[in-house]
Amino acid sequence: MIISNVSGSVRNHVRNQFIALSLSRARYSSKVDYKPIRSVLVANRGEIAIRVFRACTELGIKSVAIYSEQDKMHMHRLKADESYLVGKGKAPVEAYLDIPEIIRVAKNCLSFILKPF
């Protein structure tokens, strides 16, 4: 052993430091199991939503869009894997702020991430 020629107190100190380091690594090591992201609901429209959809496609993640009645032919709806109408009969701004409806859509399509965060 390398420390065989060292005095007993130094050897004990080194051993204790090694044990303390080993215990601290075990105590603070992360053993979290991460679940893969399967789908992302994007509550944006326009260029930001299209960029997020492109990234989702590249990563193999299902993309979900929401849209108002007035936005049914917009590009963000067509670029998503799935799209759902929210706020039926409401103005576009009101439709995108209908939080209970957005949450209902997210639960129905099993989205794990909502963008914007």
PDB file of N, CA and C in Angstrom:
ATOM      1  N   MET A   1       0.829  -1.187   0.000  1.00  0.00           N
ATOM      2  CA  MET A   1       0.000   0.000   0.000  1.00  0.00           C
ATOM      3  C   MET A   1       0.870   1.245   0.000  1.00  0.00           C
ATOM      4  N   ILE A   2       0.380   2.295  -0.576  1.00  0.00           N
ATOM      5  CA  ILE A   2       1.163   3.518  -0.694  1.00  0.00           C
ATOM      6  C   ILE A   2       1.374   4.173   0.657  1.00  0.00           C
ATOM      7  N   ILE A   3       0.382   4.166   1.515  1.00  0.00           N
ATOM      8  CA  ILE A   3       0.505   4.885   2.783  1.00  0.00           C
ATOM      9  C   ILE A   3       1.023   4.003   3.914  1.00  0.00           C
ATOM     10  N   SER A   4       1.642   2.882   3.606  1.00  0.00           N
ATOM     11  CA  SER A   4       2.140   1.988   4.660  1.00  0.00           C
ATOM     12  C   SER A   4       3.317   2.581   5.423  1.00  0.00           C
ATOM     13  N   ASN A   5       4.089   3.476   4.829  1.00  0.00           N
ATOM     14  CA  ASN A   5       5.230   4.089   5.499  1.00  0.00           C
ATOM     15  C   ASN A   5       4.850   5.356   6.257  1.00  0.00           C
ATOM     16  N   VAL A   6       3.597   5.728   6.241  1.00  0.00           N
ATOM     17  CA  VAL A   6       3.139   6.952   6.887  1.00  0.00           C
ATOM     18  C   VAL A   6       2.734   6.615   8.314  1.00  0.00           C
ATOM     19  N   SER A   7       2.886   7.594   9.203  1.00  0.00           N
ATOM     20  CA  SER A   7       2.540   7.363  10.611  1.00  0.00           C
ATOM     21  C   SER A   7       1.055   7.033  10.760  1.00  0.00           C
ATOM     22  N   GLY A   8       0.719   6.395  11.875  1.00  0.00           N
ATOM     23  CA  GLY A   8      -0.647   5.944  12.126  1.00  0.00           C
ATOM     24  C   GLY A   8      -1.666   7.061  12.135  1.00  0.00           C
ATOM     25  N   SER A   9      -1.334   8.217  12.709  1.00  0.00           N
ATOM     26  CA  SER A   9      -2.309   9.309  12.782  1.00  0.00           C
ATOM     27  C   SER A   9      -2.602   9.883  11.397  1.00  0.00           C
ATOM     28  N   VAL A  10      -1.577  10.002  10.565  1.00  0.00           N
ATOM     29  CA  VAL A  10      -1.790  10.506   9.202  1.00  0.00           C
ATOM     30  C   VAL A  10      -2.611   9.492   8.408  1.00  0.00           C
ATOM     31  N   ARG A  11      -2.287   8.220   8.580  1.00  0.00           N
ATOM     32  CA  ARG A  11      -3.015   7.163   7.884  1.00  0.00           C
ATOM     33  C   ARG A  11      -4.491   7.186   8.291  1.00  0.00           C
ATOM     34  N   ASN A  12      -4.753   7.331   9.572  1.00  0.00           N
ATOM     35  CA  ASN A  12      -6.139   7.399  10.053  1.00  0.00           C
ATOM     36  C   ASN A  12      -6.859   8.623   9.498  1.00  0.00           C
ATOM     37  N   HIS A  13      -6.137   9.744   9.432  1.00  0.00           N
ATOM     38  CA  HIS A  13      -6.730  10.971   8.888  1.00  0.00           C
ATOM     39  C   HIS A  13      -7.110  10.776   7.416  1.00  0.00           C
ATOM     40  N   VAL A  14      -6.213  10.207   6.638  1.00  0.00           N
ATOM     41  CA  VAL A  14      -6.484   9.972   5.217  1.00  0.00           C
ATOM     42  C   VAL A  14      -7.651   9.004   5.058  1.00  0.00           C
ATOM     43  N   ARG A  15      -7.665   7.948   5.850  1.00  0.00           N
ATOM     44  CA  ARG A  15      -8.746   6.966   5.786  1.00  0.00           C
ATOM     45  C   ARG A  15     -10.082   7.614   6.144  1.00  0.00           C
ATOM     46  N   ASN A  16     -10.087   8.429   7.196  1.00  0.00           N
ATOM     47  CA  ASN A  16     -11.318   9.108   7.608  1.00  0.00           C
ATOM     48  C   ASN A  16     -11.810  10.075   6.534  1.00  0.00           C
ATOM     49  N   GLN A  17     -10.879  10.781   5.896  1.00  0.00           N
ATOM     50  CA  GLN A  17     -11.261  11.696   4.821  1.00  0.00           C
ATOM     51  C   GLN A  17     -11.859  10.925   3.645  1.00  0.00           C
ATOM     52  N   PHE A  18     -11.257   9.793   3.318  1.00  0.00           N
ATOM     53  CA  PHE A  18     -11.767   8.968   2.223  1.00  0.00           C
ATOM     54  C   PHE A  18     -13.171   8.457   2.544  1.00  0.00           C
ATOM     55  N   ILE A  19     -13.386   8.008   3.770  1.00  0.00           N
ATOM     56  CA  ILE A  19     -14.706   7.517   4.177  1.00  0.00           C
ATOM     57  C   ILE A  19     -15.728   8.647   4.137  1.00  0.00           C
ATOM     58  N   ALA A  20     -15.348   9.827   4.625  1.00  0.00           N
ATOM     59  CA  ALA A  20     -16.264  10.969   4.621  1.00  0.00           C
ATOM     60  C   ALA A  20     -16.642  11.357   3.194  1.00  0.00           C
ATOM     61  N   LEU A  21     -15.651  11.350   2.298  1.00  0.00           N
ATOM     62  CA  LEU A  21     -15.921  11.688   0.903  1.00  0.00           C
ATOM     63  C   LEU A  21     -16.848  10.652   0.270  1.00  0.00           C
ATOM     64  N   SER A  22     -16.613   9.396   0.540  1.00  0.00           N
ATOM     65  CA  SER A  22     -17.461   8.330  -0.011  1.00  0.00           C
ATOM     66  C   SER A  22     -18.893   8.448   0.489  1.00  0.00           C
ATOM     67  N   LEU A  23     -19.061   8.741   1.771  1.00  0.00           N
ATOM     68  CA  LEU A  23     -20.404   8.878   2.332  1.00  0.00           C
ATOM     69  C   LEU A  23     -21.120  10.093   1.772  1.00  0.00           C
ATOM     70  N   SER A  24     -20.398  11.201   1.601  1.00  0.00           N
ATOM     71  CA  SER A  24     -21.047  12.401   1.074  1.00  0.00           C
ATOM     72  C   SER A  24     -21.472  12.196  -0.374  1.00  0.00           C
ATOM     73  N   ARG A  25     -20.682  11.477  -1.143  1.00  0.00           N
ATOM     74  CA  ARG A  25     -21.077  11.190  -2.528  1.00  0.00           C
ATOM     75  C   ARG A  25     -22.321  10.318  -2.564  1.00  0.00           C
ATOM     76  N   ALA A  26     -22.385   9.337  -1.686  1.00  0.00           N
ATOM     77  CA  ALA A  26     -23.554   8.455  -1.648  1.00  0.00           C
ATOM     78  C   ALA A  26     -24.791   9.218  -1.195  1.00  0.00           C
ATOM     79  N   ARG A  27     -24.620  10.127  -0.243  1.00  0.00           N
ATOM     80  CA  ARG A  27     -25.745  10.870   0.307  1.00  0.00           C
ATOM     81  C   ARG A  27     -26.322  11.843  -0.713  1.00  0.00           C
ATOM     82  N   TYR A  28     -25.469  12.461  -1.509  1.00  0.00           N
ATOM     83  CA  TYR A  28     -25.919  13.490  -2.430  1.00  0.00           C
ATOM     84  C   TYR A  28     -26.024  13.015  -3.870  1.00  0.00           C
ATOM     85  N   SER A  29     -25.811  11.764  -4.119  1.00  0.00           N
ATOM     86  CA  SER A  29     -25.934  11.288  -5.494  1.00  0.00           C
ATOM     87  C   SER A  29     -27.410  11.209  -5.865  1.00  0.00           C
ATOM     88  N   SER A  30     -27.683  11.455  -7.108  1.00  0.00           N
ATOM     89  CA  SER A  30     -29.055  11.477  -7.591  1.00  0.00           C
ATOM     90  C   SER A  30     -29.416  10.139  -8.215  1.00  0.00           C
ATOM     91  N   LYS A  31     -30.489   9.580  -7.744  1.00  0.00           N
ATOM     92  CA  LYS A  31     -30.981   8.335  -8.315  1.00  0.00           C
ATOM     93  C   LYS A  31     -32.415   8.548  -8.796  1.00  0.00           C
ATOM     94  N   VAL A  32     -32.650   9.679  -9.443  1.00  0.00           N
ATOM     95  CA  VAL A  32     -33.976  10.024  -9.921  1.00  0.00           C
ATOM     96  C   VAL A  32     -34.204   9.350 -11.269  1.00  0.00           C
ATOM     97  N   ASP A  33     -35.331   8.705 -11.407  1.00  0.00           N
ATOM     98  CA  ASP A  33     -35.707   8.126 -12.689  1.00  0.00           C
ATOM     99  C   ASP A  33     -36.542   9.149 -13.444  1.00  0.00           C
ATOM    100  N   TYR A  34     -36.039   9.585 -14.582  1.00  0.00           N
ATOM    101  CA  TYR A  34     -36.746  10.565 -15.391  1.00  0.00           C
ATOM    102  C   TYR A  34     -37.635   9.854 -16.393  1.00  0.00           C
ATOM    103  N   LYS A  35     -38.857  10.333 -16.519  1.00  0.00           N
ATOM    104  CA  LYS A  35     -39.768   9.784 -17.510  1.00  0.00           C
ATOM    105  C   LYS A  35     -39.570  10.554 -18.813  1.00  0.00           C
ATOM    106  N   PRO A  36     -39.609   9.874 -19.929  1.00  0.00           N
ATOM    107  CA  PRO A  36     -39.429  10.577 -21.201  1.00  0.00           C
ATOM    108  C   PRO A  36     -40.624  11.486 -21.488  1.00  0.00           C
ATOM    109  N   ILE A  37     -40.358  12.587 -22.143  1.00  0.00           N
ATOM    110  CA  ILE A  37     -41.422  13.507 -22.552  1.00  0.00           C
ATOM    111  C   ILE A  37     -42.052  12.932 -23.812  1.00  0.00           C
ATOM    112  N   ARG A  38     -43.344  12.710 -23.770  1.00  0.00           N
ATOM    113  CA  ARG A  38     -44.023  12.119 -24.922  1.00  0.00           C
ATOM    114  C   ARG A  38     -44.776  13.143 -25.751  1.00  0.00           C
ATOM    115  N   SER A  39     -45.274  14.197 -25.120  1.00  0.00           N
ATOM    116  CA  SER A  39     -46.008  15.203 -25.889  1.00  0.00           C
ATOM    117  C   SER A  39     -45.894  16.563 -25.220  1.00  0.00           C
ATOM    118  N   VAL A  40     -45.980  17.595 -26.062  1.00  0.00           N
ATOM    119  CA  VAL A  40     -45.882  18.980 -25.607  1.00  0.00           C
ATOM    120  C   VAL A  40     -47.059  19.749 -26.183  1.00  0.00           C
ATOM    121  N   LEU A  41     -47.819  20.399 -25.312  1.00  0.00           N
ATOM    122  CA  LEU A  41     -48.891  21.271 -25.770  1.00  0.00           C
ATOM    123  C   LEU A  41     -48.346  22.687 -25.817  1.00  0.00           C
ATOM    124  N   VAL A  42     -48.429  23.307 -26.982  1.00  0.00           N
ATOM    125  CA  VAL A  42     -47.905  24.657 -27.165  1.00  0.00           C
ATOM    126  C   VAL A  42     -49.082  25.614 -27.221  1.00  0.00           C
ATOM    127  N   ALA A  43     -49.143  26.517 -26.244  1.00  0.00           N
ATOM    128  CA  ALA A  43     -50.236  27.481 -26.171  1.00  0.00           C
ATOM    129  C   ALA A  43     -49.828  28.808 -26.796  1.00  0.00           C
ATOM    130  N   ASN A  44     -48.851  28.779 -27.674  1.00  0.00           N
ATOM    131  CA  ASN A  44     -48.451  29.953 -28.442  1.00  0.00           C
ATOM    132  C   ASN A  44     -48.962  29.783 -29.867  1.00  0.00           C
ATOM    133  N   ARG A  45     -48.883  30.854 -30.616  1.00  0.00           N
ATOM    134  CA  ARG A  45     -49.177  30.764 -32.040  1.00  0.00           C
ATOM    135  C   ARG A  45     -48.125  31.572 -32.774  1.00  0.00           C
ATOM    136  N   GLY A  46     -47.966  31.307 -34.030  1.00  0.00           N
ATOM    137  CA  GLY A  46     -46.983  32.047 -34.804  1.00  0.00           C
ATOM    138  C   GLY A  46     -45.634  31.359 -34.838  1.00  0.00           C
ATOM    139  N   GLU A  47     -44.591  32.162 -35.058  1.00  0.00           N
ATOM    140  CA  GLU A  47     -43.240  31.644 -35.290  1.00  0.00           C
ATOM    141  C   GLU A  47     -42.686  30.869 -34.100  1.00  0.00           C
ATOM    142  N   ILE A  48     -42.964  31.307 -32.890  1.00  0.00           N
ATOM    143  CA  ILE A  48     -42.456  30.595 -31.710  1.00  0.00           C
ATOM    144  C   ILE A  48     -43.030  29.182 -31.667  1.00  0.00           C
ATOM    145  N   ALA A  49     -44.315  29.054 -31.892  1.00  0.00           N
ATOM    146  CA  ALA A  49     -44.944  27.734 -31.876  1.00  0.00           C
ATOM    147  C   ALA A  49     -44.365  26.840 -32.967  1.00  0.00           C
ATOM    148  N   ILE A  50     -44.147  27.383 -34.151  1.00  0.00           N
ATOM    149  CA  ILE A  50     -43.601  26.592 -35.258  1.00  0.00           C
ATOM    150  C   ILE A  50     -42.199  26.103 -34.923  1.00  0.00           C
ATOM    151  N   ARG A  51     -41.391  26.936 -34.276  1.00  0.00           N
ATOM    152  CA  ARG A  51     -40.041  26.511 -33.868  1.00  0.00           C
ATOM    153  C   ARG A  51     -40.098  25.392 -32.833  1.00  0.00           C
ATOM    154  N   VAL A  52     -41.016  25.508 -31.888  1.00  0.00           N
ATOM    155  CA  VAL A  52     -41.162  24.453 -30.876  1.00  0.00           C
ATOM    156  C   VAL A  52     -41.614  23.153 -31.539  1.00  0.00           C
ATOM    157  N   PHE A  53     -42.548  23.240 -32.491  1.00  0.00           N
ATOM    158  CA  PHE A  53     -43.015  22.041 -33.195  1.00  0.00           C
ATOM    159  C   PHE A  53     -41.880  21.382 -33.972  1.00  0.00           C
ATOM    160  N   ARG A  54     -41.036  22.188 -34.604  1.00  0.00           N
ATOM    161  CA  ARG A  54     -39.901  21.638 -35.350  1.00  0.00           C
ATOM    162  C   ARG A  54     -38.953  20.901 -34.407  1.00  0.00           C
ATOM    163  N   ALA A  55     -38.675  21.501 -33.255  1.00  0.00           N
ATOM    164  CA  ALA A  55     -37.797  20.854 -32.271  1.00  0.00           C
ATOM    165  C   ALA A  55     -38.420  19.550 -31.768  1.00  0.00           C
ATOM    166  N   CYS A  56     -39.722  19.560 -31.528  1.00  0.00           N
ATOM    167  CA  CYS A  56     -40.403  18.342 -31.075  1.00  0.00           C
ATOM    168  C   CYS A  56     -40.285  17.239 -32.120  1.00  0.00           C
ATOM    169  N   THR A  57     -40.456  17.592 -33.380  1.00  0.00           N
ATOM    170  CA  THR A  57     -40.338  16.605 -34.454  1.00  0.00           C
ATOM    171  C   THR A  57     -38.940  16.012 -34.488  1.00  0.00           C
ATOM    172  N   GLU A  58     -37.922  16.858 -34.354  1.00  0.00           N
ATOM    173  CA  GLU A  58     -36.539  16.383 -34.373  1.00  0.00           C
ATOM    174  C   GLU A  58     -36.234  15.471 -33.188  1.00  0.00           C
ATOM    175  N   LEU A  59     -36.906  15.703 -32.058  1.00  0.00           N
ATOM    176  CA  LEU A  59     -36.677  14.900 -30.856  1.00  0.00           C
ATOM    177  C   LEU A  59     -37.628  13.707 -30.736  1.00  0.00           C
ATOM    178  N   GLY A  60     -38.547  13.577 -31.681  1.00  0.00           N
ATOM    179  CA  GLY A  60     -39.487  12.464 -31.631  1.00  0.00           C
ATOM    180  C   GLY A  60     -40.583  12.632 -30.598  1.00  0.00           C
ATOM    181  N   ILE A  61     -40.945  13.875 -30.312  1.00  0.00           N
ATOM    182  CA  ILE A  61     -41.975  14.182 -29.321  1.00  0.00           C
ATOM    183  C   ILE A  61     -43.229  14.653 -30.050  1.00  0.00           C
ATOM    184  N   LYS A  62     -44.395  14.159 -29.628  1.00  0.00           N
ATOM    185  CA  LYS A  62     -45.659  14.570 -30.244  1.00  0.00           C
ATOM    186  C   LYS A  62     -45.950  16.023 -29.877  1.00  0.00           C
ATOM    187  N   SER A  63     -46.312  16.836 -30.870  1.00  0.00           N
ATOM    188  CA  SER A  63     -46.632  18.241 -30.622  1.00  0.00           C
ATOM    189  C   SER A  63     -48.137  18.451 -30.746  1.00  0.00           C
ATOM    190  N   VAL A  64     -48.659  19.273 -29.844  1.00  0.00           N
ATOM    191  CA  VAL A  64     -50.093  19.548 -29.794  1.00  0.00           C
ATOM    192  C   VAL A  64     -50.281  21.055 -29.799  1.00  0.00           C
ATOM    193  N   ALA A  65     -51.158  21.535 -30.678  1.00  0.00           N
ATOM    194  CA  ALA A  65     -51.451  22.966 -30.768  1.00  0.00           C
ATOM    195  C   ALA A  65     -52.881  23.220 -30.319  1.00  0.00           C
ATOM    196  N   ILE A  66     -53.107  24.427 -29.830  1.00  0.00           N
ATOM    197  CA  ILE A  66     -54.468  24.894 -29.597  1.00  0.00           C
ATOM    198  C   ILE A  66     -54.681  26.079 -30.519  1.00  0.00           C
ATOM    199  N   TYR A  67     -55.922  26.300 -30.908  1.00  0.00           N
ATOM    200  CA  TYR A  67     -56.207  27.406 -31.815  1.00  0.00           C
ATOM    201  C   TYR A  67     -57.609  27.935 -31.557  1.00  0.00           C
ATOM    202  N   SER A  68     -57.824  29.194 -31.919  1.00  0.00           N
ATOM    203  CA  SER A  68     -59.148  29.800 -31.825  1.00  0.00           C
ATOM    204  C   SER A  68     -59.847  29.618 -33.175  1.00  0.00           C
ATOM    205  N   GLU A  69     -61.130  29.904 -33.217  1.00  0.00           N
ATOM    206  CA  GLU A  69     -61.881  29.766 -34.474  1.00  0.00           C
ATOM    207  C   GLU A  69     -61.281  30.622 -35.582  1.00  0.00           C
ATOM    208  N   GLN A  70     -60.781  31.805 -35.223  1.00  0.00           N
ATOM    209  CA  GLN A  70     -60.216  32.708 -36.215  1.00  0.00           C
ATOM    210  C   GLN A  70     -58.856  32.229 -36.727  1.00  0.00           C
ATOM    211  N   ASP A  71     -58.194  31.345 -35.990  1.00  0.00           N
ATOM    212  CA  ASP A  71     -56.855  30.869 -36.366  1.00  0.00           C
ATOM    213  C   ASP A  71     -56.864  29.478 -36.995  1.00  0.00           C
ATOM    214  N   LYS A  72     -58.027  29.010 -37.440  1.00  0.00           N
ATOM    215  CA  LYS A  72     -58.100  27.619 -37.894  1.00  0.00           C
ATOM    216  C   LYS A  72     -57.248  27.328 -39.127  1.00  0.00           C
ATOM    217  N   MET A  73     -56.875  28.317 -39.908  1.00  0.00           N
ATOM    218  CA  MET A  73     -56.032  28.088 -41.086  1.00  0.00           C
ATOM    219  C   MET A  73     -54.607  28.608 -40.898  1.00  0.00           C
ATOM    220  N   HIS A  74     -54.236  28.978 -39.692  1.00  0.00           N
ATOM    221  CA  HIS A  74     -52.887  29.492 -39.447  1.00  0.00           C
ATOM    222  C   HIS A  74     -51.862  28.365 -39.454  1.00  0.00           C
ATOM    223  N   MET A  75     -50.629  28.733 -39.758  1.00  0.00           N
ATOM    224  CA  MET A  75     -49.551  27.761 -39.930  1.00  0.00           C
ATOM    225  C   MET A  75     -49.270  26.961 -38.660  1.00  0.00           C
ATOM    226  N   HIS A  76     -49.358  27.598 -37.484  1.00  0.00           N
ATOM    227  CA  HIS A  76     -49.018  26.871 -36.255  1.00  0.00           C
ATOM    228  C   HIS A  76     -49.941  25.672 -36.046  1.00  0.00           C
ATOM    229  N   ARG A  77     -51.178  25.794 -36.462  1.00  0.00           N
ATOM    230  CA  ARG A  77     -52.120  24.672 -36.331  1.00  0.00           C
ATOM    231  C   ARG A  77     -51.762  23.545 -37.295  1.00  0.00           C
ATOM    232  N   LEU A  78     -51.318  23.888 -38.478  1.00  0.00           N
ATOM    233  CA  LEU A  78     -51.017  22.889 -39.503  1.00  0.00           C
ATOM    234  C   LEU A  78     -49.686  22.182 -39.259  1.00  0.00           C
ATOM    235  N   LYS A  79     -48.755  22.829 -38.570  1.00  0.00           N
ATOM    236  CA  LYS A  79     -47.436  22.236 -38.317  1.00  0.00           C
ATOM    237  C   LYS A  79     -47.431  21.267 -37.138  1.00  0.00           C
ATOM    238  N   ALA A  80     -48.421  21.345 -36.280  1.00  0.00           N
ATOM    239  CA  ALA A  80     -48.475  20.464 -35.102  1.00  0.00           C
ATOM    240  C   ALA A  80     -48.970  19.075 -35.501  1.00  0.00           C
ATOM    241  N   ASP A  81     -48.596  18.075 -34.698  1.00  0.00           N
ATOM    242  CA  ASP A  81     -49.084  16.715 -34.933  1.00  0.00           C
ATOM    243  C   ASP A  81     -50.583  16.616 -34.665  1.00  0.00           C
ATOM    244  N   GLU A  82     -51.050  17.324 -33.644  1.00  0.00           N
ATOM    245  CA  GLU A  82     -52.474  17.375 -33.303  1.00  0.00           C
ATOM    246  C   GLU A  82     -52.827  18.822 -32.996  1.00  0.00           C
ATOM    247  N   SER A  83     -54.090  19.199 -33.227  1.00  0.00           N
ATOM    248  CA  SER A  83     -54.527  20.549 -32.872  1.00  0.00           C
ATOM    249  C   SER A  83     -55.967  20.494 -32.374  1.00  0.00           C
ATOM    250  N   TYR A  84     -56.260  21.367 -31.413  1.00  0.00           N
ATOM    251  CA  TYR A  84     -57.572  21.374 -30.778  1.00  0.00           C
ATOM    252  C   TYR A  84     -58.102  22.799 -30.692  1.00  0.00           C
ATOM    253  N   LEU A  85     -59.393  22.942 -30.968  1.00  0.00           N
ATOM    254  CA  LEU A  85     -60.070  24.223 -30.869  1.00  0.00           C
ATOM    255  C   LEU A  85     -60.332  24.539 -29.401  1.00  0.00           C
ATOM    256  N   VAL A  86     -60.009  25.765 -28.989  1.00  0.00           N
ATOM    257  CA  VAL A  86     -60.321  26.226 -27.631  1.00  0.00           C
ATOM    258  C   VAL A  86     -61.091  27.536 -27.727  1.00  0.00           C
ATOM    259  N   GLY A  87     -61.891  27.821 -26.729  1.00  0.00           N
ATOM    260  CA  GLY A  87     -62.603  29.090 -26.663  1.00  0.00           C
ATOM    261  C   GLY A  87     -63.597  29.290 -27.786  1.00  0.00           C
ATOM    262  N   LYS A  88     -64.394  28.288 -28.059  1.00  0.00           N
ATOM    263  CA  LYS A  88     -65.363  28.391 -29.152  1.00  0.00           C
ATOM    264  C   LYS A  88     -66.310  29.564 -28.900  1.00  0.00           C
ATOM    265  N   GLY A  89     -66.453  30.424 -29.909  1.00  0.00           N
ATOM    266  CA  GLY A  89     -67.326  31.582 -29.804  1.00  0.00           C
ATOM    267  C   GLY A  89     -66.687  32.782 -29.129  1.00  0.00           C
ATOM    268  N   LYS A  90     -65.421  32.677 -28.771  1.00  0.00           N
ATOM    269  CA  LYS A  90     -64.729  33.782 -28.110  1.00  0.00           C
ATOM    270  C   LYS A  90     -63.759  34.451 -29.073  1.00  0.00           C
ATOM    271  N   ALA A  91     -63.379  35.675 -28.727  1.00  0.00           N
ATOM    272  CA  ALA A  91     -62.349  36.384 -29.498  1.00  0.00           C
ATOM    273  C   ALA A  91     -61.024  35.636 -29.350  1.00  0.00           C
ATOM    274  N   PRO A  92     -60.078  35.808 -30.307  1.00  0.00           N
ATOM    275  CA  PRO A  92     -58.815  35.059 -30.239  1.00  0.00           C
ATOM    276  C   PRO A  92     -58.067  35.212 -28.919  1.00  0.00           C
ATOM    277  N   VAL A  93     -57.975  36.423 -28.416  1.00  0.00           N
ATOM    278  CA  VAL A  93     -57.236  36.632 -27.167  1.00  0.00           C
ATOM    279  C   VAL A  93     -57.933  35.919 -26.014  1.00  0.00           C
ATOM    280  N   GLU A  94     -59.244  36.026 -25.947  1.00  0.00           N
ATOM    281  CA  GLU A  94     -59.998  35.339 -24.889  1.00  0.00           C
ATOM    282  C   GLU A  94     -59.860  33.825 -24.995  1.00  0.00           C
ATOM    283  N   ALA A  95     -59.837  33.304 -26.205  1.00  0.00           N
ATOM    284  CA  ALA A  95     -59.725  31.855 -26.398  1.00  0.00           C
ATOM    285  C   ALA A  95     -58.405  31.329 -25.849  1.00  0.00           C
ATOM    286  N   TYR A  96     -57.303  32.048 -26.092  1.00  0.00           N
ATOM    287  CA  TYR A  96     -55.991  31.592 -25.628  1.00  0.00           C
ATOM    288  C   TYR A  96     -55.792  31.817 -24.127  1.00  0.00           C
ATOM    289  N   LEU A  97     -56.682  32.572 -23.501  1.00  0.00           N
ATOM    290  CA  LEU A  97     -56.608  32.792 -22.056  1.00  0.00           C
ATOM    291  C   LEU A  97     -57.631  31.945 -21.292  1.00  0.00           C
ATOM    292  N   ASP A  98     -58.313  31.058 -21.979  1.00  0.00           N
ATOM    293  CA  ASP A  98     -59.300  30.176 -21.350  1.00  0.00           C
ATOM    294  C   ASP A  98     -58.559  28.998 -20.707  1.00  0.00           C
ATOM    295  N   ILE A  99     -58.015  29.235 -19.514  1.00  0.00           N
ATOM    296  CA  ILE A  99     -57.140  28.266 -18.842  1.00  0.00           C
ATOM    297  C   ILE A  99     -57.837  26.926 -18.582  1.00  0.00           C
ATOM    298  N   PRO A 100     -59.070  26.894 -18.059  1.00  0.00           N
ATOM    299  CA  PRO A 100     -59.711  25.586 -17.836  1.00  0.00           C
ATOM    300  C   PRO A 100     -59.838  24.760 -19.123  1.00  0.00           C
ATOM    301  N   GLU A 101     -60.121  25.419 -20.227  1.00  0.00           N
ATOM    302  CA  GLU A 101     -60.236  24.710 -21.507  1.00  0.00           C
ATOM    303  C   GLU A 101     -58.878  24.174 -21.968  1.00  0.00           C
ATOM    304  N   ILE A 102     -57.823  24.956 -21.776  1.00  0.00           N
ATOM    305  CA  ILE A 102     -56.474  24.516 -22.153  1.00  0.00           C
ATOM    306  C   ILE A 102     -56.054  23.322 -21.296  1.00  0.00           C
ATOM    307  N   ILE A 103     -56.350  23.366 -20.007  1.00  0.00           N
ATOM    308  CA  ILE A 103     -56.020  22.246 -19.120  1.00  0.00           C
ATOM    309  C   ILE A 103     -56.801  20.996 -19.527  1.00  0.00           C
ATOM    310  N   ARG A 104     -58.064  21.165 -19.900  1.00  0.00           N
ATOM    311  CA  ARG A 104     -58.871  20.026 -20.353  1.00  0.00           C
ATOM    312  C   ARG A 104     -58.251  19.383 -21.598  1.00  0.00           C
ATOM    313  N   VAL A 105     -57.833  20.209 -22.546  1.00  0.00           N
ATOM    314  CA  VAL A 105     -57.191  19.689 -23.763  1.00  0.00           C
ATOM    315  C   VAL A 105     -55.900  18.962 -23.405  1.00  0.00           C
ATOM    316  N   ALA A 106     -55.106  19.553 -22.517  1.00  0.00           N
ATOM    317  CA  ALA A 106     -53.836  18.924 -22.122  1.00  0.00           C
ATOM    318  C   ALA A 106     -54.074  17.557 -21.485  1.00  0.00           C
ATOM    319  N   LYS A 107     -55.081  17.453 -20.650  1.00  0.00           N
ATOM    320  CA  LYS A 107     -55.387  16.162 -20.019  1.00  0.00           C
ATOM    321  C   LYS A 107     -55.885  15.145 -21.041  1.00  0.00           C
ATOM    322  N   ASN A 108     -56.719  15.591 -21.973  1.00  0.00           N
ATOM    323  CA  ASN A 108     -57.264  14.676 -22.983  1.00  0.00           C
ATOM    324  C   ASN A 108     -56.193  14.131 -23.920  1.00  0.00           C
ATOM    325  N   CYS A 109     -55.215  14.946 -24.261  1.00  0.00           N
ATOM    326  CA  CYS A 109     -54.174  14.478 -25.190  1.00  0.00           C
ATOM    327  C   CYS A 109     -52.934  14.006 -24.446  1.00  0.00           C
ATOM    328  N   LEU A 110     -53.015  13.918 -23.123  1.00  0.00           N
ATOM    329  CA  LEU A 110     -51.927  13.410 -22.270  1.00  0.00           C
ATOM    330  C   LEU A 110     -50.626  14.173 -22.459  1.00  0.00           C
ATOM    331  N   SER A 111     -50.721  15.496 -22.560  1.00  0.00           N
ATOM    332  CA  SER A 111     -49.510  16.312 -22.671  1.00  0.00           C
ATOM    333  C   SER A 111     -48.869  16.458 -21.303  1.00  0.00           C
ATOM    334  N   PHE A 112     -47.552  16.316 -21.274  1.00  0.00           N
ATOM    335  CA  PHE A 112     -46.815  16.411 -20.022  1.00  0.00           C
ATOM    336  C   PHE A 112     -46.186  17.777 -19.845  1.00  0.00           C
ATOM    337  N   ILE A 113     -46.068  18.527 -20.915  1.00  0.00           N
ATOM    338  CA  ILE A 113     -45.436  19.839 -20.840  1.00  0.00           C
ATOM    339  C   ILE A 113     -46.360  20.836 -21.515  1.00  0.00           C
ATOM    340  N   LEU A 114     -46.531  21.978 -20.877  1.00  0.00           N
ATOM    341  CA  LEU A 114     -47.279  23.077 -21.470  1.00  0.00           C
ATOM    342  C   LEU A 114     -46.312  24.208 -21.751  1.00  0.00           C
ATOM    343  N   LYS A 115     -46.337  24.738 -22.935  1.00  0.00           N
ATOM    344  CA  LYS A 115     -45.491  25.863 -23.306  1.00  0.00           C
ATOM    345  C   LYS A 115     -46.420  26.991 -23.664  1.00  0.00           C
ATOM    346  N   PRO A 116     -46.368  28.187 -23.127  1.00  0.00           N
ATOM    347  CA  PRO A 116     -45.312  28.726 -22.266  1.00  0.00           C
ATOM    348  C   PRO A 116     -45.393  28.149 -20.860  1.00  0.00           C
ATOM    349  N   PHE A 117     -44.230  28.109 -20.216  1.00  0.00           N
ATOM    350  CA  PHE A 117     -44.095  27.488 -18.900  1.00  0.00           C
ATOM    351  C   PHE A 117     -44.627  28.393 -17.825  1.00  0.00           C
TER     352      PHE A 117
END
